[in-house]
mmCIF file of all heavy atoms, coordinates in Angstrom:
data_MODEL
# 
_entry.id   MODEL 
# 
loop_
_atom_site.group_PDB 
_atom_site.id 
_atom_site.type_symbol 
_atom_site.label_atom_id 
_atom_site.label_alt_id 
_atom_site.label_comp_id 
_atom_site.label_asym_id 
_atom_site.label_entity_id 
_atom_site.label_seq_id 
_atom_site.pdbx_PDB_ins_code 
_atom_site.Cartn_x 
_atom_site.Cartn_y 
_atom_site.Cartn_z 
_atom_site.occupancy 
_atom_site.B_iso_or_equiv 
_atom_site.pdbx_formal_charge 
_atom_site.auth_seq_id 
_atom_site.auth_comp_id 
_atom_site.auth_asym_id 
_atom_site.auth_atom_id 
_atom_site.pdbx_PDB_model_num 
ATOM 1   N N   . MET A 1 1  ? 121.615 102.962 105.592 1.00 0.00 ? 1  MET A N   1 
ATOM 2   C CA  . MET A 1 1  ? 120.733 103.754 106.437 1.00 0.00 ? 1  MET A CA  1 
ATOM 3   C C   . MET A 1 1  ? 119.278 103.374 106.208 1.00 0.00 ? 1  MET A C   1 
ATOM 4   O O   . MET A 1 1  ? 118.495 103.257 107.158 1.00 0.00 ? 1  MET A O   1 
ATOM 5   C CB  . MET A 1 1  ? 120.940 105.249 106.170 1.00 0.00 ? 1  MET A CB  1 
ATOM 6   C CG  . MET A 1 1  ? 120.192 106.138 107.147 1.00 0.00 ? 1  MET A CG  1 
ATOM 7   S SD  . MET A 1 1  ? 120.675 105.800 108.859 1.00 0.00 ? 1  MET A SD  1 
ATOM 8   C CE  . MET A 1 1  ? 119.594 106.914 109.729 1.00 0.00 ? 1  MET A CE  1 
ATOM 9   N N   . THR A 1 2  ? 118.918 103.161 104.948 1.00 0.00 ? 2  THR A N   1 
ATOM 10  C CA  . THR A 1 2  ? 117.551 102.741 104.643 1.00 0.00 ? 2  THR A CA  1 
ATOM 11  C C   . THR A 1 2  ? 117.259 101.388 105.272 1.00 0.00 ? 2  THR A C   1 
ATOM 12  O O   . THR A 1 2  ? 116.170 101.169 105.811 1.00 0.00 ? 2  THR A O   1 
ATOM 13  C CB  . THR A 1 2  ? 117.328 102.674 103.117 1.00 0.00 ? 2  THR A CB  1 
ATOM 14  O OG1 . THR A 1 2  ? 117.669 103.933 102.536 1.00 0.00 ? 2  THR A OG1 1 
ATOM 15  C CG2 . THR A 1 2  ? 115.884 102.342 102.790 1.00 0.00 ? 2  THR A CG2 1 
ATOM 16  N N   . ASP A 1 3  ? 118.233 100.470 105.211 1.00 0.00 ? 3  ASP A N   1 
ATOM 17  C CA  . ASP A 1 3  ? 118.074 99.163  105.851 1.00 0.00 ? 3  ASP A CA  1 
ATOM 18  C C   . ASP A 1 3  ? 117.798 99.323  107.340 1.00 0.00 ? 3  ASP A C   1 
ATOM 19  O O   . ASP A 1 3  ? 116.908 98.676  107.893 1.00 0.00 ? 3  ASP A O   1 
ATOM 20  C CB  . ASP A 1 3  ? 119.345 98.321  105.676 1.00 0.00 ? 3  ASP A CB  1 
ATOM 21  C CG  . ASP A 1 3  ? 119.566 97.881  104.246 1.00 0.00 ? 3  ASP A CG  1 
ATOM 22  O OD1 . ASP A 1 3  ? 118.654 98.069  103.416 1.00 0.00 ? 3  ASP A OD1 1 
ATOM 23  O OD2 . ASP A 1 3  ? 120.653 97.356  103.958 1.00 0.00 ? 3  ASP A OD2 1 
ATOM 24  N N   . ALA A 1 4  ? 118.577 100.189 107.984 1.00 0.00 ? 4  ALA A N   1 
ATOM 25  C CA  . ALA A 1 4  ? 118.444 100.380 109.433 1.00 0.00 ? 4  ALA A CA  1 
ATOM 26  C C   . ALA A 1 4  ? 117.061 100.909 109.789 1.00 0.00 ? 4  ALA A C   1 
ATOM 27  O O   . ALA A 1 4  ? 116.417 100.409 110.719 1.00 0.00 ? 4  ALA A O   1 
ATOM 28  C CB  . ALA A 1 4  ? 119.528 101.335 109.935 1.00 0.00 ? 4  ALA A CB  1 
ATOM 29  N N   . ILE A 1 5  ? 116.593 101.908 109.055 1.00 0.00 ? 5  ILE A N   1 
ATOM 30  C CA  . ILE A 1 5  ? 115.289 102.494 109.362 1.00 0.00 ? 5  ILE A CA  1 
ATOM 31  C C   . ILE A 1 5  ? 114.177 101.483 109.106 1.00 0.00 ? 5  ILE A C   1 
ATOM 32  O O   . ILE A 1 5  ? 113.297 101.263 109.961 1.00 0.00 ? 5  ILE A O   1 
ATOM 33  C CB  . ILE A 1 5  ? 115.044 103.753 108.501 1.00 0.00 ? 5  ILE A CB  1 
ATOM 34  C CG1 . ILE A 1 5  ? 116.101 104.807 108.785 1.00 0.00 ? 5  ILE A CG1 1 
ATOM 35  C CG2 . ILE A 1 5  ? 113.659 104.331 108.782 1.00 0.00 ? 5  ILE A CG2 1 
ATOM 36  C CD1 . ILE A 1 5  ? 116.121 105.927 107.770 1.00 0.00 ? 5  ILE A CD1 1 
ATOM 37  N N   . LEU A 1 6  ? 114.198 100.864 107.927 1.00 0.00 ? 6  LEU A N   1 
ATOM 38  C CA  . LEU A 1 6  ? 113.135 99.922  107.573 1.00 0.00 ? 6  LEU A CA  1 
ATOM 39  C C   . LEU A 1 6  ? 113.079 98.751  108.551 1.00 0.00 ? 6  LEU A C   1 
ATOM 40  O O   . LEU A 1 6  ? 112.003 98.364  109.018 1.00 0.00 ? 6  LEU A O   1 
ATOM 41  C CB  . LEU A 1 6  ? 113.340 99.395  106.150 1.00 0.00 ? 6  LEU A CB  1 
ATOM 42  C CG  . LEU A 1 6  ? 112.972 100.339 105.009 1.00 0.00 ? 6  LEU A CG  1 
ATOM 43  C CD1 . LEU A 1 6  ? 113.338 99.718  103.669 1.00 0.00 ? 6  LEU A CD1 1 
ATOM 44  C CD2 . LEU A 1 6  ? 111.478 100.661 105.028 1.00 0.00 ? 6  LEU A CD2 1 
ATOM 45  N N   . ASN A 1 7  ? 114.243 98.178  108.861 1.00 0.00 ? 7  ASN A N   1 
ATOM 46  C CA  . ASN A 1 7  ? 114.251 97.009  109.730 1.00 0.00 ? 7  ASN A CA  1 
ATOM 47  C C   . ASN A 1 7  ? 113.831 97.340  111.160 1.00 0.00 ? 7  ASN A C   1 
ATOM 48  O O   . ASN A 1 7  ? 113.159 96.539  111.819 1.00 0.00 ? 7  ASN A O   1 
ATOM 49  C CB  . ASN A 1 7  ? 115.631 96.346  109.708 1.00 0.00 ? 7  ASN A CB  1 
ATOM 50  C CG  . ASN A 1 7  ? 115.873 95.575  108.437 1.00 0.00 ? 7  ASN A CG  1 
ATOM 51  O OD1 . ASN A 1 7  ? 115.108 94.693  108.088 1.00 0.00 ? 7  ASN A OD1 1 
ATOM 52  N ND2 . ASN A 1 7  ? 116.922 95.922  107.714 1.00 0.00 ? 7  ASN A ND2 1 
ATOM 53  N N   . SER A 1 8  ? 114.211 98.519  111.642 1.00 0.00 ? 8  SER A N   1 
ATOM 54  C CA  . SER A 1 8  ? 113.786 98.890  112.994 1.00 0.00 ? 8  SER A CA  1 
ATOM 55  C C   . SER A 1 8  ? 112.275 99.076  113.038 1.00 0.00 ? 8  SER A C   1 
ATOM 56  O O   . SER A 1 8  ? 111.611 98.668  113.998 1.00 0.00 ? 8  SER A O   1 
ATOM 57  C CB  . SER A 1 8  ? 114.492 100.174 113.445 1.00 0.00 ? 8  SER A CB  1 
ATOM 58  O OG  . SER A 1 8  ? 114.040 101.301 112.727 1.00 0.00 ? 8  SER A OG  1 
ATOM 59  N N   . LYS A 1 9  ? 111.711 99.677  111.985 1.00 0.00 ? 9  LYS A N   1 
ATOM 60  C CA  . LYS A 1 9  ? 110.264 99.903  111.944 1.00 0.00 ? 9  LYS A CA  1 
ATOM 61  C C   . LYS A 1 9  ? 109.501 98.601  111.714 1.00 0.00 ? 9  LYS A C   1 
ATOM 62  O O   . LYS A 1 9  ? 108.404 98.402  112.263 1.00 0.00 ? 9  LYS A O   1 
ATOM 63  C CB  . LYS A 1 9  ? 109.920 100.922 110.854 1.00 0.00 ? 9  LYS A CB  1 
ATOM 64  C CG  . LYS A 1 9  ? 110.384 102.327 111.154 1.00 0.00 ? 9  LYS A CG  1 
ATOM 65  C CD  . LYS A 1 9  ? 109.727 102.871 112.424 1.00 0.00 ? 9  LYS A CD  1 
ATOM 66  C CE  . LYS A 1 9  ? 110.098 104.311 112.680 1.00 0.00 ? 9  LYS A CE  1 
ATOM 67  N NZ  . LYS A 1 9  ? 109.498 104.831 113.935 1.00 0.00 ? 9  LYS A NZ  1 
ATOM 68  N N   . ILE A 1 10 ? 110.056 97.710  110.890 1.00 0.00 ? 10 ILE A N   1 
ATOM 69  C CA  . ILE A 1 10 ? 109.417 96.406  110.690 1.00 0.00 ? 10 ILE A CA  1 
ATOM 70  C C   . ILE A 1 10 ? 109.378 95.637  112.002 1.00 0.00 ? 10 ILE A C   1 
ATOM 71  O O   . ILE A 1 10 ? 108.375 95.004  112.345 1.00 0.00 ? 10 ILE A O   1 
ATOM 72  C CB  . ILE A 1 10 ? 110.155 95.608  109.601 1.00 0.00 ? 10 ILE A CB  1 
ATOM 73  C CG1 . ILE A 1 10 ? 109.891 96.233  108.220 1.00 0.00 ? 10 ILE A CG1 1 
ATOM 74  C CG2 . ILE A 1 10 ? 109.698 94.143  109.594 1.00 0.00 ? 10 ILE A CG2 1 
ATOM 75  C CD1 . ILE A 1 10 ? 110.708 95.626  107.103 1.00 0.00 ? 10 ILE A CD1 1 
ATOM 76  N N   . SER A 1 11 ? 110.481 95.695  112.750 1.00 0.00 ? 11 SER A N   1 
ATOM 77  C CA  . SER A 1 11 ? 110.525 95.040  114.059 1.00 0.00 ? 11 SER A CA  1 
ATOM 78  C C   . SER A 1 11 ? 109.476 95.627  114.991 1.00 0.00 ? 11 SER A C   1 
ATOM 79  O O   . SER A 1 11 ? 108.782 94.900  115.720 1.00 0.00 ? 11 SER A O   1 
ATOM 80  C CB  . SER A 1 11 ? 111.921 95.198  114.665 1.00 0.00 ? 11 SER A CB  1 
ATOM 81  O OG  . SER A 1 11 ? 111.986 94.634  115.953 1.00 0.00 ? 11 SER A OG  1 
ATOM 82  N N   . LEU A 1 12 ? 109.325 96.953  114.964 1.00 0.00 ? 12 LEU A N   1 
ATOM 83  C CA  . LEU A 1 12 ? 108.327 97.621  115.801 1.00 0.00 ? 12 LEU A CA  1 
ATOM 84  C C   . LEU A 1 12 ? 106.919 97.202  115.392 1.00 0.00 ? 12 LEU A C   1 
ATOM 85  O O   . LEU A 1 12 ? 106.071 96.905  116.251 1.00 0.00 ? 12 LEU A O   1 
ATOM 86  C CB  . LEU A 1 12 ? 108.472 99.141  115.674 1.00 0.00 ? 12 LEU A CB  1 
ATOM 87  C CG  . LEU A 1 12 ? 107.454 99.999  116.430 1.00 0.00 ? 12 LEU A CG  1 
ATOM 88  C CD1 . LEU A 1 12 ? 107.582 99.774  117.935 1.00 0.00 ? 12 LEU A CD1 1 
ATOM 89  C CD2 . LEU A 1 12 ? 107.645 101.479 116.094 1.00 0.00 ? 12 LEU A CD2 1 
ATOM 90  N N   . ALA A 1 13 ? 106.666 97.158  114.081 1.00 0.00 ? 13 ALA A N   1 
ATOM 91  C CA  . ALA A 1 13 ? 105.339 96.769  113.592 1.00 0.00 ? 13 ALA A CA  1 
ATOM 92  C C   . ALA A 1 13 ? 105.004 95.330  113.998 1.00 0.00 ? 13 ALA A C   1 
ATOM 93  O O   . ALA A 1 13 ? 103.887 95.045  114.442 1.00 0.00 ? 13 ALA A O   1 
ATOM 94  C CB  . ALA A 1 13 ? 105.281 96.914  112.073 1.00 0.00 ? 13 ALA A CB  1 
ATOM 95  N N   . LYS A 1 14 ? 105.967 94.436  113.855 1.00 0.00 ? 14 LYS A N   1 
ATOM 96  C CA  . LYS A 1 14 ? 105.731 93.042  114.216 1.00 0.00 ? 14 LYS A CA  1 
ATOM 97  C C   . LYS A 1 14 ? 105.435 92.892  115.701 1.00 0.00 ? 14 LYS A C   1 
ATOM 98  O O   . LYS A 1 14 ? 104.632 92.043  116.103 1.00 0.00 ? 14 LYS A O   1 
ATOM 99  C CB  . LYS A 1 14 ? 106.932 92.186  113.819 1.00 0.00 ? 14 LYS A CB  1 
ATOM 100 C CG  . LYS A 1 14 ? 107.045 91.955  112.318 1.00 0.00 ? 14 LYS A CG  1 
ATOM 101 C CD  . LYS A 1 14 ? 108.200 91.028  111.978 1.00 0.00 ? 14 LYS A CD  1 
ATOM 102 C CE  . LYS A 1 14 ? 108.244 90.703  110.501 1.00 0.00 ? 14 LYS A CE  1 
ATOM 103 N NZ  . LYS A 1 14 ? 109.372 89.805  110.152 1.00 0.00 ? 14 LYS A NZ  1 
ATOM 104 N N   . SER A 1 15 ? 106.086 93.724  116.517 1.00 0.00 ? 15 SER A N   1 
ATOM 105 C CA  . SER A 1 15 ? 105.838 93.658  117.963 1.00 0.00 ? 15 SER A CA  1 
ATOM 106 C C   . SER A 1 15 ? 104.413 94.086  118.299 1.00 0.00 ? 15 SER A C   1 
ATOM 107 O O   . SER A 1 15 ? 103.895 93.768  119.363 1.00 0.00 ? 15 SER A O   1 
ATOM 108 C CB  . SER A 1 15 ? 106.834 94.544  118.717 1.00 0.00 ? 15 SER A CB  1 
ATOM 109 O OG  . SER A 1 15 ? 106.540 95.923  118.535 1.00 0.00 ? 15 SER A OG  1 
ATOM 110 N N   . LYS A 1 16 ? 103.770 94.791  117.368 1.00 0.00 ? 16 LYS A N   1 
ATOM 111 C CA  . LYS A 1 16 ? 102.389 95.221  117.547 1.00 0.00 ? 16 LYS A CA  1 
ATOM 112 C C   . LYS A 1 16 ? 101.428 94.371  116.710 1.00 0.00 ? 16 LYS A C   1 
ATOM 113 O O   . LYS A 1 16 ? 100.280 94.760  116.474 1.00 0.00 ? 16 LYS A O   1 
ATOM 114 C CB  . LYS A 1 16 ? 102.252 96.697  117.157 1.00 0.00 ? 16 LYS A CB  1 
ATOM 115 C CG  . LYS A 1 16 ? 103.092 97.639  118.015 1.00 0.00 ? 16 LYS A CG  1 
ATOM 116 C CD  . LYS A 1 16 ? 102.959 99.083  117.559 1.00 0.00 ? 16 LYS A CD  1 
ATOM 117 C CE  . LYS A 1 16 ? 103.821 100.017 118.398 1.00 0.00 ? 16 LYS A CE  1 
ATOM 118 N NZ  . LYS A 1 16 ? 103.367 100.076 119.801 1.00 0.00 ? 16 LYS A NZ  1 
ATOM 119 N N   . ASN A 1 17 ? 101.933 93.213  116.271 1.00 0.00 ? 17 ASN A N   1 
ATOM 120 C CA  . ASN A 1 17 ? 101.120 92.259  115.497 1.00 0.00 ? 17 ASN A CA  1 
ATOM 121 C C   . ASN A 1 17 ? 100.581 92.866  114.201 1.00 0.00 ? 17 ASN A C   1 
ATOM 122 O O   . ASN A 1 17 ? 99.416  92.711  113.844 1.00 0.00 ? 17 ASN A O   1 
ATOM 123 C CB  . ASN A 1 17 ? 99.967  91.719  116.350 1.00 0.00 ? 17 ASN A CB  1 
ATOM 124 C CG  . ASN A 1 17 ? 100.447 90.959  117.569 1.00 0.00 ? 17 ASN A CG  1 
ATOM 125 O OD1 . ASN A 1 17 ? 101.319 90.093  117.468 1.00 0.00 ? 17 ASN A OD1 1 
ATOM 126 N ND2 . ASN A 1 17 ? 99.904  91.289  118.731 1.00 0.00 ? 17 ASN A ND2 1 
ATOM 127 N N   . ILE A 1 18 ? 101.452 93.576  113.501 1.00 0.00 ? 18 ILE A N   1 
ATOM 128 C CA  . ILE A 1 18 ? 101.114 94.150  112.198 1.00 0.00 ? 18 ILE A CA  1 
ATOM 129 C C   . ILE A 1 18 ? 101.949 93.450  111.137 1.00 0.00 ? 18 ILE A C   1 
ATOM 130 O O   . ILE A 1 18 ? 103.186 93.436  111.217 1.00 0.00 ? 18 ILE A O   1 
ATOM 131 C CB  . ILE A 1 18 ? 101.394 95.664  112.161 1.00 0.00 ? 18 ILE A CB  1 
ATOM 132 C CG1 . ILE A 1 18 ? 100.603 96.401  113.250 1.00 0.00 ? 18 ILE A CG1 1 
ATOM 133 C CG2 . ILE A 1 18 ? 101.070 96.236  110.778 1.00 0.00 ? 18 ILE A CG2 1 
ATOM 134 C CD1 . ILE A 1 18 ? 100.993 97.864  113.400 1.00 0.00 ? 18 ILE A CD1 1 
ATOM 135 N N   . GLN A 1 19 ? 101.296 92.874  110.150 1.00 0.00 ? 19 GLN A N   1 
ATOM 136 C CA  . GLN A 1 19 ? 102.013 92.210  109.071 1.00 0.00 ? 19 GLN A CA  1 
ATOM 137 C C   . GLN A 1 19 ? 102.612 93.262  108.131 1.00 0.00 ? 19 GLN A C   1 
ATOM 138 O O   . GLN A 1 19 ? 101.957 94.237  107.765 1.00 0.00 ? 19 GLN A O   1 
ATOM 139 C CB  . GLN A 1 19 ? 101.084 91.301  108.270 1.00 0.00 ? 19 GLN A CB  1 
ATOM 140 C CG  . GLN A 1 19 ? 101.792 90.541  107.140 1.00 0.00 ? 19 GLN A CG  1 
ATOM 141 C CD  . GLN A 1 19 ? 100.835 89.730  106.279 1.00 0.00 ? 19 GLN A CD  1 
ATOM 142 O OE1 . GLN A 1 19 ? 99.626  89.785  106.479 1.00 0.00 ? 19 GLN A OE1 1 
ATOM 143 N NE2 . GLN A 1 19 ? 101.372 88.987  105.328 1.00 0.00 ? 19 GLN A NE2 1 
ATOM 144 N N   . VAL A 1 20 ? 103.880 93.054  107.751 1.00 0.00 ? 20 VAL A N   1 
ATOM 145 C CA  . VAL A 1 20 ? 104.547 93.975  106.829 1.00 0.00 ? 20 VAL A CA  1 
ATOM 146 C C   . VAL A 1 20 ? 105.050 93.193  105.625 1.00 0.00 ? 20 VAL A C   1 
ATOM 147 O O   . VAL A 1 20 ? 105.748 92.189  105.772 1.00 0.00 ? 20 VAL A O   1 
ATOM 148 C CB  . VAL A 1 20 ? 105.735 94.694  107.500 1.00 0.00 ? 20 VAL A CB  1 
ATOM 149 C CG1 . VAL A 1 20 ? 106.431 95.616  106.495 1.00 0.00 ? 20 VAL A CG1 1 
ATOM 150 C CG2 . VAL A 1 20 ? 105.271 95.489  108.713 1.00 0.00 ? 20 VAL A CG2 1 
ATOM 151 N N   . ILE A 1 21 ? 104.684 93.635  104.439 1.00 0.00 ? 21 ILE A N   1 
ATOM 152 C CA  . ILE A 1 21 ? 105.197 93.061  103.195 1.00 0.00 ? 21 ILE A CA  1 
ATOM 153 C C   . ILE A 1 21 ? 106.047 94.135  102.537 1.00 0.00 ? 21 ILE A C   1 
ATOM 154 O O   . ILE A 1 21 ? 105.538 95.178  102.131 1.00 0.00 ? 21 ILE A O   1 
ATOM 155 C CB  . ILE A 1 21 ? 104.066 92.623  102.249 1.00 0.00 ? 21 ILE A CB  1 
ATOM 156 C CG1 . ILE A 1 21 ? 103.204 91.542  102.916 1.00 0.00 ? 21 ILE A CG1 1 
ATOM 157 C CG2 . ILE A 1 21 ? 104.643 92.113  100.929 1.00 0.00 ? 21 ILE A CG2 1 
ATOM 158 C CD1 . ILE A 1 21 ? 102.000 91.124  102.088 1.00 0.00 ? 21 ILE A CD1 1 
ATOM 159 N N   . ALA A 1 22 ? 107.349 93.895  102.452 1.00 0.00 ? 22 ALA A N   1 
ATOM 160 C CA  . ALA A 1 22 ? 108.268 94.915  101.948 1.00 0.00 ? 22 ALA A CA  1 
ATOM 161 C C   . ALA A 1 22 ? 109.090 94.394  100.782 1.00 0.00 ? 22 ALA A C   1 
ATOM 162 O O   . ALA A 1 22 ? 109.607 93.276  100.824 1.00 0.00 ? 22 ALA A O   1 
ATOM 163 C CB  . ALA A 1 22 ? 109.197 95.388  103.063 1.00 0.00 ? 22 ALA A CB  1 
ATOM 164 N N   . ASP A 1 23 ? 109.199 95.198  99.752  1.00 0.00 ? 23 ASP A N   1 
ATOM 165 C CA  . ASP A 1 23 ? 110.022 94.896  98.583  1.00 0.00 ? 23 ASP A CA  1 
ATOM 166 C C   . ASP A 1 23 ? 110.803 96.169  98.279  1.00 0.00 ? 23 ASP A C   1 
ATOM 167 O O   . ASP A 1 23 ? 110.248 97.130  97.744  1.00 0.00 ? 23 ASP A O   1 
ATOM 168 C CB  . ASP A 1 23 ? 109.135 94.495  97.398  1.00 0.00 ? 23 ASP A CB  1 
ATOM 169 C CG  . ASP A 1 23 ? 109.953 94.106  96.170  1.00 0.00 ? 23 ASP A CG  1 
ATOM 170 O OD1 . ASP A 1 23 ? 111.191 93.985  96.300  1.00 0.00 ? 23 ASP A OD1 1 
ATOM 171 O OD2 . ASP A 1 23 ? 109.355 93.925  95.090  1.00 0.00 ? 23 ASP A OD2 1 
ATOM 172 N N   . ALA A 1 24 ? 112.071 96.202  98.655  1.00 0.00 ? 24 ALA A N   1 
ATOM 173 C CA  . ALA A 1 24 ? 112.852 97.436  98.537  1.00 0.00 ? 24 ALA A CA  1 
ATOM 174 C C   . ALA A 1 24 ? 114.222 97.148  97.938  1.00 0.00 ? 24 ALA A C   1 
ATOM 175 O O   . ALA A 1 24 ? 114.947 96.274  98.414  1.00 0.00 ? 24 ALA A O   1 
ATOM 176 C CB  . ALA A 1 24 ? 113.004 98.091  99.906  1.00 0.00 ? 24 ALA A CB  1 
ATOM 177 N N   . HIS A 1 25 ? 114.561 97.888  96.905  1.00 0.00 ? 25 HIS A N   1 
ATOM 178 C CA  . HIS A 1 25 ? 115.851 97.725  96.230  1.00 0.00 ? 25 HIS A CA  1 
ATOM 179 C C   . HIS A 1 25 ? 116.412 99.101  95.889  1.00 0.00 ? 25 HIS A C   1 
ATOM 180 O O   . HIS A 1 25 ? 115.768 99.893  95.208  1.00 0.00 ? 25 HIS A O   1 
ATOM 181 C CB  . HIS A 1 25 ? 115.690 96.911  94.946  1.00 0.00 ? 25 HIS A CB  1 
ATOM 182 C CG  . HIS A 1 25 ? 115.001 95.610  95.144  1.00 0.00 ? 25 HIS A CG  1 
ATOM 183 N ND1 . HIS A 1 25 ? 115.645 94.487  95.607  1.00 0.00 ? 25 HIS A ND1 1 
ATOM 184 C CD2 . HIS A 1 25 ? 113.701 95.259  94.959  1.00 0.00 ? 25 HIS A CD2 1 
ATOM 185 C CE1 . HIS A 1 25 ? 114.779 93.492  95.695  1.00 0.00 ? 25 HIS A CE1 1 
ATOM 186 N NE2 . HIS A 1 25 ? 113.598 93.928  95.308  1.00 0.00 ? 25 HIS A NE2 1 
# 
């Protein structure tokens, strides 16, 4: 579930030209 939320939001951020640096375990 965390993967789904993070990846959907990262995709949204990238579509708005926002760089995302994520380190999640």
